[in-house]
All heavy atoms as atom14 arrays in JSON, in Angstrom:
{
  "sequence": "KFDREYLDLLQKKIESNKATTEEYKSLDFFIKSTVDIPNYVLNSLA",
  "atom14_mask": [
    [1, 1, 1, 1, 1, 1, 1, 1, 1, 0, 0, 0, 0, 0],
    [1, 1, 1, 1, 1, 1, 1, 1, 1, 1, 1, 0, 0, 0],
    [1, 1, 1, 1, 1, 1, 1, 1, 0, 0, 0, 0, 0, 0],
    [1, 1, 1, 1, 1, 1, 1, 1, 1, 1, 1, 0, 0, 0],
    [1, 1, 1, 1, 1, 1, 1, 1, 1, 0, 0, 0, 0, 0],
    [1, 1, 1, 1, 1, 1, 1, 1, 1, 1, 1, 1, 0, 0],
    [1, 1, 1, 1, 1, 1, 1, 1, 0, 0, 0, 0, 0, 0],
    [1, 1, 1, 1, 1, 1, 1, 1, 0, 0, 0, 0, 0, 0],
    [1, 1, 1, 1, 1, 1, 1, 1, 0, 0, 0, 0, 0, 0],
    [1, 1, 1, 1, 1, 1, 1, 1, 0, 0, 0, 0, 0, 0],
    [1, 1, 1, 1, 1, 1, 1, 1, 1, 0, 0, 0, 0, 0],
    [1, 1, 1, 1, 1, 1, 1, 1, 1, 0, 0, 0, 0, 0],
    [1, 1, 1, 1, 1, 1, 1, 1, 1, 0, 0, 0, 0, 0],
    [1, 1, 1, 1, 1, 1, 1, 1, 0, 0, 0, 0, 0, 0],
    [1, 1, 1, 1, 1, 1, 1, 1, 1, 0, 0, 0, 0, 0],
    [1, 1, 1, 1, 1, 1, 0, 0, 0, 0, 0, 0, 0, 0],
    [1, 1, 1, 1, 1, 1, 1, 1, 0, 0, 0, 0, 0, 0],
    [1, 1, 1, 1, 1, 1, 1, 1, 1, 0, 0, 0, 0, 0],
    [1, 1, 1, 1, 1, 0, 0, 0, 0, 0, 0, 0, 0, 0],
    [1, 1, 1, 1, 1, 1, 1, 0, 0, 0, 0, 0, 0, 0],
    [1, 1, 1, 1, 1, 1, 1, 0, 0, 0, 0, 0, 0, 0],
    [1, 1, 1, 1, 1, 1, 1, 1, 1, 0, 0, 0, 0, 0],
    [1, 1, 1, 1, 1, 1, 1, 1, 1, 0, 0, 0, 0, 0],
    [1, 1, 1, 1, 1, 1, 1, 1, 1, 1, 1, 1, 0, 0],
    [1, 1, 1, 1, 1, 1, 1, 1, 1, 0, 0, 0, 0, 0],
    [1, 1, 1, 1, 1, 1, 0, 0, 0, 0, 0, 0, 0, 0],
    [1, 1, 1, 1, 1, 1, 1, 1, 0, 0, 0, 0, 0, 0],
    [1, 1, 1, 1, 1, 1, 1, 1, 0, 0, 0, 0, 0, 0],
    [1, 1, 1, 1, 1, 1, 1, 1, 1, 1, 1, 0, 0, 0],
    [1, 1, 1, 1, 1, 1, 1, 1, 1, 1, 1, 0, 0, 0],
    [1, 1, 1, 1, 1, 1, 1, 1, 0, 0, 0, 0, 0, 0],
    [1, 1, 1, 1, 1, 1, 1, 1, 1, 0, 0, 0, 0, 0],
    [1, 1, 1, 1, 1, 1, 0, 0, 0, 0, 0, 0, 0, 0],
    [1, 1, 1, 1, 1, 1, 1, 0, 0, 0, 0, 0, 0, 0],
    [1, 1, 1, 1, 1, 1, 1, 0, 0, 0, 0, 0, 0, 0],
    [1, 1, 1, 1, 1, 1, 1, 1, 0, 0, 0, 0, 0, 0],
    [1, 1, 1, 1, 1, 1, 1, 1, 0, 0, 0, 0, 0, 0],
    [1, 1, 1, 1, 1, 1, 1, 0, 0, 0, 0, 0, 0, 0],
    [1, 1, 1, 1, 1, 1, 1, 1, 0, 0, 0, 0, 0, 0],
    [1, 1, 1, 1, 1, 1, 1, 1, 1, 1, 1, 1, 0, 0],
    [1, 1, 1, 1, 1, 1, 1, 0, 0, 0, 0, 0, 0, 0],
    [1, 1, 1, 1, 1, 1, 1, 1, 0, 0, 0, 0, 0, 0],
    [1, 1, 1, 1, 1, 1, 1, 1, 0, 0, 0, 0, 0, 0],
    [1, 1, 1, 1, 1, 1, 0, 0, 0, 0, 0, 0, 0, 0],
    [1, 1, 1, 1, 1, 1, 1, 1, 0, 0, 0, 0, 0, 0],
    [1, 1, 1, 1, 1, 0, 0, 0, 0, 0, 0, 0, 0, 0]
  ],
  "atom14_positions": [
    [[-108.83, -20.22, -124.93], [-108.72, -18.73, -124.59], [-109.58, -18.45, -123.43], [-110.83, -18.67, -123.45], [-109.26, -18.01, -125.9], [-109.17, -16.54, -125.7], [-109.74, -15.82, -127.01], [-109.77, -14.32, -126.71], [-110.49, -13.61, -127.73], [0.0, 0.0, 0.0], [0.0, 0.0, 0.0], [0.0, 0.0, 0.0], [0.0, 0.0, 0.0], [0.0, 0.0, 0.0]],
    [[-108.96, -17.93, -122.47], [-109.76, -17.6, -121.27], [-109.91, -16.08, -121.21], [-109.05, -15.28, -121.01], [-108.9, -17.98, -119.99], [-108.89, -19.49, -119.78], [-107.77, -20.16, -120.2], [-109.89, -20.1, -119.15], [-107.67, -21.52, -120.09], [-109.85, -21.5, -118.98], [-108.76, -22.19, -119.48], [0.0, 0.0, 0.0], [0.0, 0.0, 0.0], [0.0, 0.0, 0.0]],
    [[-111.17, -15.73, -121.5], [-111.53, -14.31, -121.5], [-112.83, -14.21, -120.68], [-113.49, -15.22, -120.27], [-111.65, -13.69, -122.87], [-112.66, -14.46, -123.8], [-113.52, -15.26, -123.29], [-112.53, -14.28, -125.01], [0.0, 0.0, 0.0], [0.0, 0.0, 0.0], [0.0, 0.0, 0.0], [0.0, 0.0, 0.0], [0.0, 0.0, 0.0], [0.0, 0.0, 0.0]],
    [[-113.23, -13.02, -120.55], [-114.64, -12.76, -119.74], [-115.73, -13.49, -120.35], [-116.51, -14.15, -119.6], [-114.81, -11.26, -119.66], [-116.05, -10.9, -118.78], [-116.15, -9.4, -118.64], [-115.03, -8.84, -117.84], [-114.97, -8.85, -116.53], [-115.94, -9.4, -115.85], [-114.0, -8.35, -115.91], [0.0, 0.0, 0.0], [0.0, 0.0, 0.0], [0.0, 0.0, 0.0]],
    [[-115.89, -13.58, -121.67], [-117.01, -14.19, -122.29], [-116.92, -15.72, -122.0], [-118.01, -16.33, -121.72], [-116.97, -13.95, -123.81], [-118.11, -14.5, -124.55], [-118.03, -14.16, -126.03], [-117.63, -13.01, -126.37], [-118.36, -15.07, -126.82], [0.0, 0.0, 0.0], [0.0, 0.0, 0.0], [0.0, 0.0, 0.0], [0.0, 0.0, 0.0], [0.0, 0.0, 0.0]],
    [[-115.75, -16.39, -122.17], [-115.64, -17.78, -121.9], [-115.98, -18.08, -120.41], [-116.68, -18.99, -120.11], [-114.3, -18.28, -122.25], [-114.03, -19.7, -121.82], [-114.59, -20.73, -122.58], [-113.4, -20.01, -120.69], [-114.5, -22.03, -122.23], [-113.19, -21.4, -120.31], [-113.79, -22.32, -121.08], [-113.6, -23.72, -120.73], [0.0, 0.0, 0.0], [0.0, 0.0, 0.0]],
    [[-115.43, -17.2, -119.53], [-115.66, -17.47, -118.04], [-117.22, -17.26, -117.77], [-117.66, -18.02, -116.91], [-114.84, -16.54, -117.24], [-113.34, -16.95, -117.31], [-112.57, -15.87, -116.49], [-113.11, -18.3, -116.66], [0.0, 0.0, 0.0], [0.0, 0.0, 0.0], [0.0, 0.0, 0.0], [0.0, 0.0, 0.0], [0.0, 0.0, 0.0], [0.0, 0.0, 0.0]],
    [[-117.82, -16.27, -118.36], [-119.3, -16.15, -118.17], [-120.04, -17.37, -118.63], [-120.89, -17.85, -117.88], [-119.8, -14.91, -118.93], [-119.47, -13.58, -118.23], [-119.16, -13.56, -117.05], [-119.47, -12.58, -119.0], [0.0, 0.0, 0.0], [0.0, 0.0, 0.0], [0.0, 0.0, 0.0], [0.0, 0.0, 0.0], [0.0, 0.0, 0.0], [0.0, 0.0, 0.0]],
    [[-119.77, -17.86, -119.78], [-120.36, -19.07, -120.31], [-120.11, -20.28, -119.43], [-121.03, -21.02, -119.05], [-119.94, -19.33, -121.74], [-120.44, -20.64, -122.37], [-121.97, -20.56, -122.5], [-119.78, -20.84, -123.74], [0.0, 0.0, 0.0], [0.0, 0.0, 0.0], [0.0, 0.0, 0.0], [0.0, 0.0, 0.0], [0.0, 0.0, 0.0], [0.0, 0.0, 0.0]],
    [[-118.79, -20.41, -119.02], [-118.47, -21.53, -118.16], [-119.23, -21.5, -116.85], [-119.79, -22.48, -116.35], [-116.98, -21.59, -117.93], [-116.41, -22.64, -117.08], [-116.81, -24.05, -117.65], [-114.87, -22.53, -116.94], [0.0, 0.0, 0.0], [0.0, 0.0, 0.0], [0.0, 0.0, 0.0], [0.0, 0.0, 0.0], [0.0, 0.0, 0.0], [0.0, 0.0, 0.0]],
    [[-119.34, -20.27, -116.24], [-120.05, -20.18, -114.95], [-121.47, -20.54, -115.09], [-122.05, -21.24, -114.22], [-119.96, -18.7, -114.45], [-120.6, -18.52, -113.09], [-120.28, -17.13, -112.52], [-119.42, -16.39, -112.96], [-121.0, -16.89, -111.46], [0.0, 0.0, 0.0], [0.0, 0.0, 0.0], [0.0, 0.0, 0.0], [0.0, 0.0, 0.0], [0.0, 0.0, 0.0]],
    [[-122.14, -20.15, -116.22], [-123.55, -20.56, -116.43], [-123.7, -22.04, -116.58], [-124.61, -22.65, -116.08], [-124.08, -19.83, -117.62], [-124.37, -18.36, -117.46], [-124.82, -17.67, -118.68], [-124.91, -16.16, -118.4], [-125.1, -15.4, -119.62], [0.0, 0.0, 0.0], [0.0, 0.0, 0.0], [0.0, 0.0, 0.0], [0.0, 0.0, 0.0], [0.0, 0.0, 0.0]],
    [[-122.73, -22.62, -117.34], [-122.79, -24.09, -117.49], [-122.55, -24.86, -116.2], [-123.26, -25.8, -115.89], [-121.72, -24.52, -118.54], [-122.09, -24.12, -119.98], [-121.02, -24.46, -120.96], [-121.27, -25.91, -121.37], [-120.33, -26.19, -122.52], [0.0, 0.0, 0.0], [0.0, 0.0, 0.0], [0.0, 0.0, 0.0], [0.0, 0.0, 0.0], [0.0, 0.0, 0.0]],
    [[-121.68, -24.35, -115.38], [-121.4, -24.95, -114.04], [-122.54, -24.86, -113.14], [-123.03, -25.71, -112.57], [-120.14, -24.41, -113.41], [-118.88, -24.92, -114.17], [-120.02, -24.79, -111.93], [-117.55, -24.26, -113.8], [0.0, 0.0, 0.0], [0.0, 0.0, 0.0], [0.0, 0.0, 0.0], [0.0, 0.0, 0.0], [0.0, 0.0, 0.0], [0.0, 0.0, 0.0]],
    [[-123.1, -23.64, -113.17], [-124.39, -23.39, -112.27], [-125.48, -24.3, -112.61], [-126.25, -24.74, -111.73], [-124.75, -21.93, -112.27], [-123.75, -20.98, -111.59], [-124.01, -19.57, -111.78], [-124.8, -19.18, -112.67], [-123.42, -18.76, -110.96], [0.0, 0.0, 0.0], [0.0, 0.0, 0.0], [0.0, 0.0, 0.0], [0.0, 0.0, 0.0], [0.0, 0.0, 0.0]],
    [[-125.68, -24.56, -113.91], [-126.82, -25.41, -114.41], [-126.39, -26.86, -114.56], [-127.14, -27.7, -115.03], [-127.39, -24.83, -115.72], [-126.33, -24.97, -116.71], [0.0, 0.0, 0.0], [0.0, 0.0, 0.0], [0.0, 0.0, 0.0], [0.0, 0.0, 0.0], [0.0, 0.0, 0.0], [0.0, 0.0, 0.0], [0.0, 0.0, 0.0], [0.0, 0.0, 0.0]],
    [[-125.21, -27.24, -114.06], [-124.65, -28.57, -114.12], [-124.55, -29.11, -115.53], [-124.86, -30.34, -115.79], [-125.42, -29.49, -113.17], [-124.54, -30.68, -112.76], [-123.33, -30.61, -112.7], [-125.23, -31.83, -112.52], [0.0, 0.0, 0.0], [0.0, 0.0, 0.0], [0.0, 0.0, 0.0], [0.0, 0.0, 0.0], [0.0, 0.0, 0.0], [0.0, 0.0, 0.0]],
    [[-124.2, -28.26, -116.47], [-124.09, -28.69, -117.85], [-122.63, -28.66, -118.3], [-122.3, -29.08, -119.46], [-124.79, -27.71, -118.73], [-126.25, -27.52, -118.48], [-127.03, -28.77, -118.89], [-128.55, -28.49, -118.73], [-129.36, -29.62, -118.27], [0.0, 0.0, 0.0], [0.0, 0.0, 0.0], [0.0, 0.0, 0.0], [0.0, 0.0, 0.0], [0.0, 0.0, 0.0]],
    [[-121.66, -28.35, -117.45], [-120.23, -28.27, -117.8], [-119.75, -29.71, -117.9], [-120.15, -30.65, -117.18], [-119.48, -27.5, -116.71], [0.0, 0.0, 0.0], [0.0, 0.0, 0.0], [0.0, 0.0, 0.0], [0.0, 0.0, 0.0], [0.0, 0.0, 0.0], [0.0, 0.0, 0.0], [0.0, 0.0, 0.0], [0.0, 0.0, 0.0], [0.0, 0.0, 0.0]],
    [[-118.78, -29.9, -118.73], [-118.19, -31.24, -118.95], [-116.99, -31.36, -117.99], [-116.44, -30.31, -117.48], [-117.66, -31.42, -120.38], [-116.64, -30.45, -120.7], [-118.83, -31.18, -121.36], [0.0, 0.0, 0.0], [0.0, 0.0, 0.0], [0.0, 0.0, 0.0], [0.0, 0.0, 0.0], [0.0, 0.0, 0.0], [0.0, 0.0, 0.0], [0.0, 0.0, 0.0]],
    [[-116.42, -32.56, -117.89], [-115.21, -32.77, -117.13], [-114.06, -31.97, -117.71], [-113.27, -31.43, -116.98], [-114.87, -34.23, -117.07], [-114.67, -34.8, -118.28], [-115.92, -35.05, -116.27], [0.0, 0.0, 0.0], [0.0, 0.0, 0.0], [0.0, 0.0, 0.0], [0.0, 0.0, 0.0], [0.0, 0.0, 0.0], [0.0, 0.0, 0.0], [0.0, 0.0, 0.0]],
    [[-114.03, -31.89, -119.02], [-112.92, -31.11, -119.7], [-113.04, -29.63, -119.34], [-112.03, -28.97, -119.14], [-113.04, -31.28, -121.2], [-112.54, -32.58, -121.64], [-111.09, -32.92, -121.28], [-110.19, -32.08, -121.55], [-110.85, -34.01, -120.71], [0.0, 0.0, 0.0], [0.0, 0.0, 0.0], [0.0, 0.0, 0.0], [0.0, 0.0, 0.0], [0.0, 0.0, 0.0]],
    [[-114.24, -29.14, -119.19], [-114.43, -27.68, -118.82], [-113.97, -27.48, -117.37], [-113.32, -26.41, -117.01], [-115.78, -27.26, -119.03], [-116.1, -27.14, -120.5], [-117.59, -26.98, -120.88], [-118.5, -27.6, -120.19], [-117.87, -26.21, -121.8], [0.0, 0.0, 0.0], [0.0, 0.0, 0.0], [0.0, 0.0, 0.0], [0.0, 0.0, 0.0], [0.0, 0.0, 0.0]],
    [[-114.3, -28.45, -116.45], [-113.8, -28.32, -115.09], [-112.25, -28.35, -115.13], [-111.59, -27.63, -114.34], [-114.34, -29.44, -114.25], [-115.73, -29.14, -113.75], [-116.81, -29.73, -114.29], [-116.02, -28.25, -112.71], [-118.13, -29.5, -113.91], [-117.26, -27.96, -112.24], [-118.3, -28.58, -112.85], [-119.61, -28.34, -112.42], [0.0, 0.0, 0.0], [0.0, 0.0, 0.0]],
    [[-111.63, -29.21, -115.87], [-110.16, -29.28, -116.01], [-109.56, -28.01, -116.53], [-108.55, -27.56, -116.03], [-109.74, -30.53, -116.94], [-109.94, -31.84, -116.41], [-109.5, -32.88, -117.44], [-109.91, -34.25, -117.03], [-109.6, -35.23, -118.07], [0.0, 0.0, 0.0], [0.0, 0.0, 0.0], [0.0, 0.0, 0.0], [0.0, 0.0, 0.0], [0.0, 0.0, 0.0]],
    [[-110.27, -27.47, -117.48], [-109.75, -26.19, -117.96], [-109.82, -25.1, -116.93], [-108.92, -24.27, -116.84], [-110.54, -25.73, -119.25], [-111.87, -25.26, -118.99], [0.0, 0.0, 0.0], [0.0, 0.0, 0.0], [0.0, 0.0, 0.0], [0.0, 0.0, 0.0], [0.0, 0.0, 0.0], [0.0, 0.0, 0.0], [0.0, 0.0, 0.0], [0.0, 0.0, 0.0]],
    [[-110.84, -25.08, -116.09], [-110.95, -24.07, -115.01], [-109.81, -24.28, -114.03], [-109.16, -23.34, -113.64], [-112.28, -24.18, -114.36], [-112.55, -23.3, -113.14], [-112.39, -21.8, -113.58], [-113.91, -23.46, -112.53], [0.0, 0.0, 0.0], [0.0, 0.0, 0.0], [0.0, 0.0, 0.0], [0.0, 0.0, 0.0], [0.0, 0.0, 0.0], [0.0, 0.0, 0.0]],
    [[-109.56, -25.55, -113.63], [-108.46, -25.84, -112.71], [-107.15, -25.38, -113.31], [-106.34, -24.8, -112.63], [-108.4, -27.29, -112.36], [-108.99, -27.61, -111.01], [-109.19, -26.69, -110.14], [-109.26, -28.85, -110.77], [0.0, 0.0, 0.0], [0.0, 0.0, 0.0], [0.0, 0.0, 0.0], [0.0, 0.0, 0.0], [0.0, 0.0, 0.0], [0.0, 0.0, 0.0]],
    [[-106.97, -25.6, -114.62], [-105.72, -25.2, -115.31], [-105.64, -23.64, -115.28], [-104.57, -23.14, -114.98], [-105.76, -25.65, -116.76], [-104.57, -25.13, -117.52], [-103.32, -25.73, -117.41], [-104.65, -24.05, -118.38], [-102.26, -25.23, -118.15], [-103.63, -23.5, -119.06], [-102.42, -24.11, -118.99], [0.0, 0.0, 0.0], [0.0, 0.0, 0.0], [0.0, 0.0, 0.0]],
    [[-106.7, -22.99, -115.52], [-106.69, -21.52, -115.56], [-106.39, -20.89, -114.19], [-105.63, -20.01, -114.04], [-107.96, -20.95, -116.16], [-107.94, -19.5, -116.37], [-106.92, -18.87, -117.09], [-109.02, -18.65, -115.99], [-106.86, -17.45, -117.33], [-108.96, -17.28, -116.18], [-107.91, -16.74, -116.92], [0.0, 0.0, 0.0], [0.0, 0.0, 0.0], [0.0, 0.0, 0.0]],
    [[-107.01, -21.54, -113.2], [-106.78, -21.07, -111.79], [-105.31, -21.21, -111.47], [-104.65, -20.34, -110.91], [-107.67, -21.82, -110.79], [-109.12, -21.34, -111.01], [-107.23, -21.51, -109.34], [-110.13, -22.23, -110.23], [0.0, 0.0, 0.0], [0.0, 0.0, 0.0], [0.0, 0.0, 0.0], [0.0, 0.0, 0.0], [0.0, 0.0, 0.0], [0.0, 0.0, 0.0]],
    [[-104.7, -22.43, -111.79], [-103.31, -22.67, -111.49], [-102.4, -21.73, -112.21], [-101.49, -21.1, -111.69], [-102.93, -24.11, -111.81], [-101.47, -24.37, -111.48], [-101.05, -25.78, -111.82], [-99.62, -26.11, -111.43], [-98.6, -25.09, -111.36], [0.0, 0.0, 0.0], [0.0, 0.0, 0.0], [0.0, 0.0, 0.0], [0.0, 0.0, 0.0], [0.0, 0.0, 0.0]],
    [[-102.74, -21.43, -113.53], [-101.82, -20.56, -114.29], [-101.99, -19.14, -113.98], [-101.08, -18.29, -114.18], [-102.06, -20.83, -115.79], [-103.4, -20.41, -116.15], [0.0, 0.0, 0.0], [0.0, 0.0, 0.0], [0.0, 0.0, 0.0], [0.0, 0.0, 0.0], [0.0, 0.0, 0.0], [0.0, 0.0, 0.0], [0.0, 0.0, 0.0], [0.0, 0.0, 0.0]],
    [[-103.07, -18.74, -113.32], [-103.36, -17.37, -112.93], [-102.82, -17.07, -111.49], [-102.23, -16.05, -111.31], [-104.85, -17.0, -113.09], [-105.25, -17.29, -114.43], [-105.09, -15.51, -112.86], [0.0, 0.0, 0.0], [0.0, 0.0, 0.0], [0.0, 0.0, 0.0], [0.0, 0.0, 0.0], [0.0, 0.0, 0.0], [0.0, 0.0, 0.0], [0.0, 0.0, 0.0]],
    [[-103.26, -17.89, -110.56], [-102.96, -17.6, -109.18], [-102.16, -18.71, -108.49], [-102.03, -18.74, -107.24], [-104.27, -17.34, -108.33], [-104.85, -16.06, -108.74], [-105.21, -18.43, -108.43], [0.0, 0.0, 0.0], [0.0, 0.0, 0.0], [0.0, 0.0, 0.0], [0.0, 0.0, 0.0], [0.0, 0.0, 0.0], [0.0, 0.0, 0.0], [0.0, 0.0, 0.0]],
    [[-101.7, -19.69, -109.27], [-100.83, -20.72, -108.85], [-101.42, -21.54, -107.65], [-100.71, -21.93, -106.71], [-99.44, -20.19, -108.38], [-98.38, -21.3, -108.35], [-98.53, -22.26, -109.11], [-97.46, -21.2, -107.59], [0.0, 0.0, 0.0], [0.0, 0.0, 0.0], [0.0, 0.0, 0.0], [0.0, 0.0, 0.0], [0.0, 0.0, 0.0], [0.0, 0.0, 0.0]],
    [[-102.66, -21.85, -107.82], [-103.33, -22.8, -106.84], [-103.7, -24.09, -107.72], [-104.62, -24.02, -108.49], [-104.65, -22.22, -106.29], [-104.28, -20.91, -105.45], [-105.32, -23.19, -105.33], [-105.56, -20.21, -104.92], [0.0, 0.0, 0.0], [0.0, 0.0, 0.0], [0.0, 0.0, 0.0], [0.0, 0.0, 0.0], [0.0, 0.0, 0.0], [0.0, 0.0, 0.0]],
    [[-102.89, -25.09, -107.51], [-103.13, -26.3, -108.29], [-104.39, -27.09, -107.8], [-104.74, -27.13, -106.64], [-101.87, -27.18, -108.04], [-101.3, -26.69, -106.8], [-101.7, -25.3, -106.6], [0.0, 0.0, 0.0], [0.0, 0.0, 0.0], [0.0, 0.0, 0.0], [0.0, 0.0, 0.0], [0.0, 0.0, 0.0], [0.0, 0.0, 0.0], [0.0, 0.0, 0.0]],
    [[-105.13, -27.6, -108.78], [-106.31, -28.48, -108.44], [-107.33, -27.84, -107.47], [-107.84, -28.52, -106.67], [-105.83, -29.8, -108.0], [-104.95, -30.53, -108.96], [-105.24, -30.58, -110.13], [-103.87, -31.06, -108.43], [0.0, 0.0, 0.0], [0.0, 0.0, 0.0], [0.0, 0.0, 0.0], [0.0, 0.0, 0.0], [0.0, 0.0, 0.0], [0.0, 0.0, 0.0]],
    [[-107.64, -26.6, -107.66], [-108.51, -25.95, -106.79], [-109.86, -26.65, -106.71], [-110.42, -26.87, -105.62], [-108.75, -24.47, -107.25], [-109.62, -23.68, -106.42], [-109.29, -23.13, -105.19], [-110.95, -23.45, -106.8], [-110.11, -22.45, -104.41], [-111.86, -22.74, -105.99], [-111.44, -22.25, -104.81], [-112.26, -21.5, -104.0], [0.0, 0.0, 0.0], [0.0, 0.0, 0.0]],
    [[-110.43, -26.87, -107.92], [-111.75, -27.59, -107.9], [-111.69, -28.97, -107.28], [-112.43, -29.31, -106.4], [-112.37, -27.56, -109.33], [-113.71, -28.37, -109.35], [-112.61, -26.11, -109.86], [0.0, 0.0, 0.0], [0.0, 0.0, 0.0], [0.0, 0.0, 0.0], [0.0, 0.0, 0.0], [0.0, 0.0, 0.0], [0.0, 0.0, 0.0], [0.0, 0.0, 0.0]],
    [[-110.71, -29.75, -107.72], [-110.58, -31.19, -107.24], [-110.32, -31.1, -105.79], [-110.92, -32.04, -105.11], [-109.46, -31.84, -107.98], [-109.8, -32.4, -109.38], [-108.58, -33.08, -109.98], [-110.97, -33.43, -109.32], [0.0, 0.0, 0.0], [0.0, 0.0, 0.0], [0.0, 0.0, 0.0], [0.0, 0.0, 0.0], [0.0, 0.0, 0.0], [0.0, 0.0, 0.0]],
    [[-109.56, -30.28, -105.27], [-109.27, -30.22, -103.82], [-110.58, -29.86, -103.07], [-110.78, -30.4, -101.97], [-108.19, -29.22, -103.46], [-106.82, -29.72, -103.93], [-106.67, -30.99, -104.07], [-105.89, -28.86, -104.15], [0.0, 0.0, 0.0], [0.0, 0.0, 0.0], [0.0, 0.0, 0.0], [0.0, 0.0, 0.0], [0.0, 0.0, 0.0], [0.0, 0.0, 0.0]],
    [[-111.4, -28.95, -103.63], [-112.68, -28.68, -103.05], [-113.64, -29.85, -102.99], [-114.29, -30.13, -101.94], [-113.33, -27.47, -103.72], [-112.59, -26.3, -103.65], [0.0, 0.0, 0.0], [0.0, 0.0, 0.0], [0.0, 0.0, 0.0], [0.0, 0.0, 0.0], [0.0, 0.0, 0.0], [0.0, 0.0, 0.0], [0.0, 0.0, 0.0], [0.0, 0.0, 0.0]],
    [[-113.6, -30.62, -104.04], [-114.41, -31.8, -104.1], [-113.95, -32.97, -103.14], [-114.79, -33.61, -102.5], [-114.44, -32.38, -105.48], [-114.94, -31.53, -106.58], [-114.8, -32.23, -107.97], [-116.36, -31.14, -106.38], [0.0, 0.0, 0.0], [0.0, 0.0, 0.0], [0.0, 0.0, 0.0], [0.0, 0.0, 0.0], [0.0, 0.0, 0.0], [0.0, 0.0, 0.0]],
    [[-112.6, -32.96, -102.95], [-112.13, -34.06, -102.05], [-112.51, -33.86, -100.63], [-112.63, -34.85, -99.89], [-110.52, -34.03, -102.18], [0.0, 0.0, 0.0], [0.0, 0.0, 0.0], [0.0, 0.0, 0.0], [0.0, 0.0, 0.0], [0.0, 0.0, 0.0], [0.0, 0.0, 0.0], [0.0, 0.0, 0.0], [0.0, 0.0, 0.0], [0.0, 0.0, 0.0]]
  ]
}
């Protein structure tokens, strides 16, 4: 479930480097499903 509360928590975890690979995958999935940009995070890392 992608809601404001989840995104706030995810942002805090990413900023403190506590997010898991699955959470990064979920963010990439949500970005793709919302604005149709596939692999946004992975492409930034590349």
